[in-house]
Amino acid sequence: MTGSVVGDNLPGRTVLGCNNIIGHHAVVGVKCQDMKYKPGDECFLDVGNNNEIREHASIHRSSKSSDRTVIGDNNLIMGSCHIAHDCKIGNSNIFANNTLLAGHVVVEDYTHTAGAIVVHQFCRVGSFSFIGGGSVVTQDVPKYTMVAGERAELRGLNLEGLRRRGFTVLEIKSLRMAYRKIFMPVDANNVGFEERLTKVEQDEQLSNVPAVCSMVQSIRDSLTENRRGICKFRQWTGL
């Protein structure tokens, strides 16, 4: 569209797939804003197919030649969004206006953000999750969950998103049961978080539901070394 900029006179390259829309005055594939970038280094952006990138959005190339910024397929990136250097964006995500992703953020598939949200560098946003408007996300968002708040906290499962994406009644019921056991136990003072995760993994019924296993693995991955942990959650008191 009028006023858009695609690519830059830099070493490296910007590659766009098929059927992408670049909106008015959007800036795609220009130099990053990372102080690690050294003039003359190659830097890269790969964009897949069928993405709609709306007006005034900005997507930057990688900060170094050994990495790249990646946008998958079928994403809707609304006006004034920013995707910084070295981000990895999956498929079929919806970023509402003024969604701002710092460097090295990973967003999986089928996520949805409301407007005016900020995601801290190196965070991971799991598939089928939802981020409420005005949130500041400083830690990972596990798969299938919903977070909101000025410092984003877990608020439950993204139930509406799961229904819209065709999750079965059994899958949603199992995810709710697992979520309660992990984040809302009545005996939270007596059973640690690690033990609660293990109990869900060993539960004869829940361990046979792939979606539950995927959610638990998403949480475990976020707790590994060099990851930022998961968003805070309110301890359930049973009252």
Protein backbone atom coordinates (compact mmCIF):
# COMPACT_ATOMS: atom_id res chain seq x y z
CA MET A 1 0.00 0.00 0.00
CA THR A 2 0.95 3.68 -0.33
CA GLY A 3 3.96 4.71 1.74
CA SER A 4 5.01 1.22 2.79
CA VAL A 5 8.69 0.29 2.96
CA VAL A 6 9.85 -3.28 2.34
CA GLY A 7 13.52 -4.17 2.69
CA ASP A 8 16.53 -1.98 3.32
CA ASN A 9 19.91 -1.29 1.79
CA LEU A 10 21.68 -3.58 4.25
CA PRO A 11 23.71 -6.78 3.95
CA GLY A 12 21.41 -9.78 4.21
CA ARG A 13 17.89 -9.95 2.86
CA THR A 14 14.14 -9.68 3.41
CA VAL A 15 12.10 -12.52 1.91
CA LEU A 16 8.31 -12.40 1.54
CA GLY A 17 6.13 -15.33 0.53
CA CYS A 18 2.89 -15.19 -1.47
CA ASN A 19 -0.32 -13.19 -0.96
CA ASN A 20 0.97 -10.88 1.75
CA ILE A 21 -0.60 -7.44 2.24
CA ILE A 22 1.69 -4.65 3.45
CA GLY A 23 -0.43 -1.77 4.70
CA HIS A 24 -0.08 1.98 4.31
CA HIS A 25 3.20 3.28 5.74
CA ALA A 26 4.15 -0.09 7.24
CA VAL A 27 7.89 -0.69 7.54
CA VAL A 28 9.00 -4.28 6.98
CA GLY A 29 12.55 -5.63 6.89
CA VAL A 30 14.58 -2.63 7.99
CA LYS A 31 17.54 -2.37 10.37
CA CYS A 32 16.87 -3.44 13.94
CA GLN A 33 17.08 -1.17 16.99
CA ASP A 34 19.43 -3.43 18.93
CA MET A 35 22.78 -2.06 20.12
CA LYS A 36 24.35 -5.47 19.42
CA TYR A 37 23.93 -4.88 15.70
CA LYS A 38 27.21 -4.07 14.00
CA PRO A 39 27.16 -2.14 10.72
CA GLY A 40 28.05 -4.45 7.87
CA ASP A 41 26.65 -7.60 9.49
CA GLU A 42 24.13 -9.56 7.47
CA CYS A 43 20.62 -9.55 8.94
CA PHE A 44 17.50 -11.38 7.83
CA LEU A 45 13.70 -11.39 7.83
CA ASP A 46 11.62 -14.26 6.48
CA VAL A 47 7.88 -13.74 6.04
CA GLY A 48 5.62 -16.63 5.02
CA ASN A 49 2.33 -16.57 3.08
CA ASN A 50 -1.08 -14.94 3.45
CA ASN A 51 -0.14 -12.43 6.13
CA GLU A 52 -1.94 -9.10 6.52
CA ILE A 53 0.35 -6.44 7.95
CA ARG A 54 -1.64 -3.28 8.50
CA GLU A 55 -0.83 0.43 8.47
CA HIS A 56 2.17 1.76 10.42
CA ALA A 57 3.27 -1.69 11.60
CA SER A 58 7.02 -2.25 11.88
CA ILE A 59 8.91 -5.53 11.56
CA HIS A 60 12.69 -5.51 11.90
CA ARG A 61 15.40 -7.77 10.58
CA SER A 62 17.60 -9.88 12.86
CA SER A 63 20.35 -8.34 14.96
CA LYS A 64 23.09 -10.70 13.72
CA SER A 65 23.85 -13.00 10.83
CA SER A 66 23.46 -16.17 12.92
CA ASP A 67 19.78 -15.45 13.61
CA ARG A 68 16.73 -14.23 11.73
CA THR A 69 13.34 -12.67 12.37
CA VAL A 70 10.62 -15.06 11.21
CA ILE A 71 6.91 -14.53 10.52
CA GLY A 72 4.91 -17.63 9.62
CA ASP A 73 1.67 -17.89 7.62
CA ASN A 74 -1.87 -16.50 7.93
CA ASN A 75 -1.15 -13.87 10.59
CA LEU A 76 -3.14 -10.66 11.06
CA ILE A 77 -0.86 -7.92 12.36
CA MET A 78 -3.00 -4.85 12.95
CA GLY A 79 -2.08 -1.18 12.83
CA SER A 80 0.96 0.18 14.70
CA CYS A 81 2.18 -3.22 15.90
CA HIS A 82 5.91 -3.71 16.37
CA ILE A 83 7.83 -6.97 15.97
CA ALA A 84 11.45 -6.50 16.96
CA HIS A 85 14.65 -8.24 15.90
CA ASP A 86 14.99 -12.01 16.12
CA CYS A 87 11.34 -12.66 17.00
CA LYS A 88 9.83 -15.96 15.90
CA ILE A 89 6.13 -15.73 15.05
CA GLY A 90 4.19 -18.87 14.15
CA ASN A 91 0.96 -19.23 12.19
CA SER A 92 -2.62 -17.90 12.38
CA ASN A 93 -2.01 -15.34 15.12
CA ILE A 94 -4.01 -12.15 15.61
CA PHE A 95 -2.14 -9.14 17.01
CA ALA A 96 -4.50 -6.25 17.77
CA ASN A 97 -3.41 -2.61 17.40
CA ASN A 98 -0.27 -1.54 19.27
CA THR A 99 0.91 -5.02 20.15
CA LEU A 100 4.60 -4.50 20.88
CA LEU A 101 7.01 -7.44 20.91
CA ALA A 102 10.57 -6.88 22.13
CA GLY A 103 13.54 -8.75 20.73
CA HIS A 104 13.78 -12.55 20.70
CA VAL A 105 10.11 -13.08 21.62
CA VAL A 106 8.60 -16.37 20.45
CA VAL A 107 4.89 -16.53 19.66
CA GLU A 108 3.55 -19.96 18.75
CA ASP A 109 0.29 -20.55 16.80
CA TYR A 110 -3.31 -19.36 17.10
CA THR A 111 -2.63 -16.76 19.78
CA HIS A 112 -4.68 -13.58 20.14
CA THR A 113 -3.67 -10.30 21.73
CA ALA A 114 -5.97 -7.44 22.64
CA GLY A 115 -4.81 -3.87 22.05
CA ALA A 116 -1.87 -2.01 23.57
CA ILE A 117 0.09 -4.91 25.02
CA VAL A 118 3.84 -5.19 25.59
CA VAL A 119 5.87 -8.41 25.68
CA HIS A 120 9.31 -8.39 27.32
CA GLN A 121 12.33 -9.68 25.37
CA PHE A 122 12.96 -13.44 25.37
CA CYS A 123 9.40 -14.27 26.51
CA ARG A 124 7.42 -17.08 24.90
CA VAL A 125 3.68 -16.93 24.19
CA GLY A 126 2.18 -20.41 23.91
CA SER A 127 -0.30 -21.60 21.28
CA PHE A 128 -4.02 -20.85 21.67
CA SER A 129 -3.38 -18.28 24.41
CA PHE A 130 -4.94 -14.84 24.88
CA ILE A 131 -3.37 -11.64 26.24
CA GLY A 132 -5.80 -9.05 27.61
CA GLY A 133 -5.68 -5.41 26.58
CA GLY A 134 -3.13 -3.13 28.20
CA SER A 135 -1.09 -6.01 29.61
CA VAL A 136 2.65 -5.96 30.22
CA VAL A 137 3.95 -9.51 29.80
CA THR A 138 7.30 -10.07 31.51
CA GLN A 139 7.22 -13.89 31.73
CA ASP A 140 6.07 -16.78 29.54
CA VAL A 141 2.39 -17.39 28.76
CA PRO A 142 1.68 -21.16 28.85
CA LYS A 143 -0.32 -22.81 26.09
CA TYR A 144 -4.13 -22.52 26.20
CA THR A 145 -4.13 -19.88 28.94
CA MET A 146 -5.35 -16.31 29.32
CA VAL A 147 -3.33 -13.55 30.98
CA ALA A 148 -4.20 -9.95 31.79
CA GLY A 149 -3.10 -7.11 34.00
CA GLU A 150 -0.59 -4.29 34.15
CA ARG A 151 1.91 -7.01 35.13
CA ALA A 152 0.18 -9.87 33.39
CA GLU A 153 -1.14 -12.67 35.62
CA LEU A 154 -2.75 -15.95 34.68
CA ARG A 155 -6.54 -15.58 34.71
CA GLY A 156 -7.55 -19.07 33.58
CA LEU A 157 -7.88 -20.91 30.29
CA ASN A 158 -8.66 -19.22 26.99
CA LEU A 159 -11.96 -21.08 26.88
CA GLU A 160 -13.59 -19.06 24.12
CA GLY A 161 -10.52 -19.38 21.94
CA LEU A 162 -10.39 -23.13 22.49
CA ARG A 163 -14.05 -23.53 21.53
CA ARG A 164 -13.61 -21.44 18.41
CA ARG A 165 -10.64 -23.55 17.35
CA GLY A 166 -12.59 -26.77 17.60
CA PHE A 167 -11.34 -28.27 20.85
CA THR A 168 -13.73 -31.00 22.02
CA VAL A 169 -15.78 -30.91 25.20
CA LEU A 170 -13.57 -33.66 26.64
CA GLU A 171 -10.37 -31.75 25.84
CA ILE A 172 -11.66 -28.54 27.43
CA LYS A 173 -12.99 -30.39 30.49
CA SER A 174 -9.62 -32.13 30.92
CA LEU A 175 -7.68 -28.88 30.51
CA ARG A 176 -9.87 -27.20 33.13
CA MET A 177 -9.32 -30.05 35.55
CA ALA A 178 -5.57 -29.94 34.99
CA TYR A 179 -5.47 -26.15 35.35
CA ARG A 180 -7.29 -26.31 38.69
CA LYS A 181 -4.98 -29.02 40.00
CA ILE A 182 -1.91 -27.00 39.04
CA PHE A 183 -2.92 -23.42 39.77
CA MET A 184 -5.95 -23.62 42.10
CA PRO A 185 -5.33 -26.48 44.55
CA VAL A 186 -7.14 -26.39 47.88
CA ASP A 187 -3.97 -27.72 49.56
CA ALA A 188 -1.55 -25.21 48.02
CA ASN A 189 0.23 -24.69 51.34
CA ASN A 190 1.02 -28.40 51.66
CA VAL A 191 1.84 -29.38 48.08
CA GLY A 192 4.53 -27.59 46.07
CA PHE A 193 4.20 -26.48 42.46
CA GLU A 194 6.54 -29.14 41.13
CA GLU A 195 4.60 -31.85 42.94
CA ARG A 196 1.32 -30.57 41.49
CA LEU A 197 2.73 -30.74 37.97
CA THR A 198 3.93 -34.29 38.60
CA LYS A 199 0.51 -35.33 39.92
CA VAL A 200 -1.15 -34.14 36.72
CA GLU A 201 1.44 -35.96 34.61
CA GLN A 202 0.79 -39.15 36.55
CA ASP A 203 -2.99 -38.84 36.61
CA GLU A 204 -4.38 -41.87 34.79
CA GLN A 205 -7.14 -39.90 33.09
CA LEU A 206 -5.42 -36.59 32.34
CA SER A 207 -2.16 -38.11 31.12
CA ASN A 208 -4.04 -39.65 28.18
CA VAL A 209 -5.21 -36.27 26.87
CA PRO A 210 -2.58 -34.82 24.47
CA ALA A 211 -3.71 -31.22 25.09
CA VAL A 212 -3.09 -31.61 28.84
CA CYS A 213 0.34 -33.11 28.22
CA SER A 214 1.13 -30.22 25.88
CA MET A 215 0.10 -27.61 28.48
CA VAL A 216 2.16 -29.25 31.22
CA GLN A 217 5.19 -29.47 28.92
CA SER A 218 4.76 -25.80 28.03
CA ILE A 219 4.92 -24.93 31.73
CA ARG A 220 7.92 -27.17 32.36
CA ASP A 221 9.81 -25.70 29.40
CA SER A 222 9.29 -22.20 30.81
CA LEU A 223 10.81 -23.23 34.14
CA THR A 224 14.07 -24.45 32.63
CA GLU A 225 17.34 -22.58 32.95
CA ASN A 226 17.67 -19.41 30.88
CA ARG A 227 13.88 -19.06 30.50
CA ARG A 228 11.84 -16.38 32.22
CA GLY A 229 9.37 -18.63 34.06
CA ILE A 230 5.60 -18.30 33.71
CA CYS A 231 3.35 -15.36 34.48
CA LYS A 232 2.35 -15.03 38.11
CA PHE A 233 -0.88 -16.60 39.35
CA ARG A 234 -2.96 -16.02 42.44
CA GLN A 235 -2.80 -18.80 45.01
CA TRP A 236 -6.17 -20.43 45.65
CA THR A 237 -7.13 -20.34 49.33
CA GLY A 238 -10.19 -22.56 49.14
CA LEU A 239 -12.40 -19.81 50.60
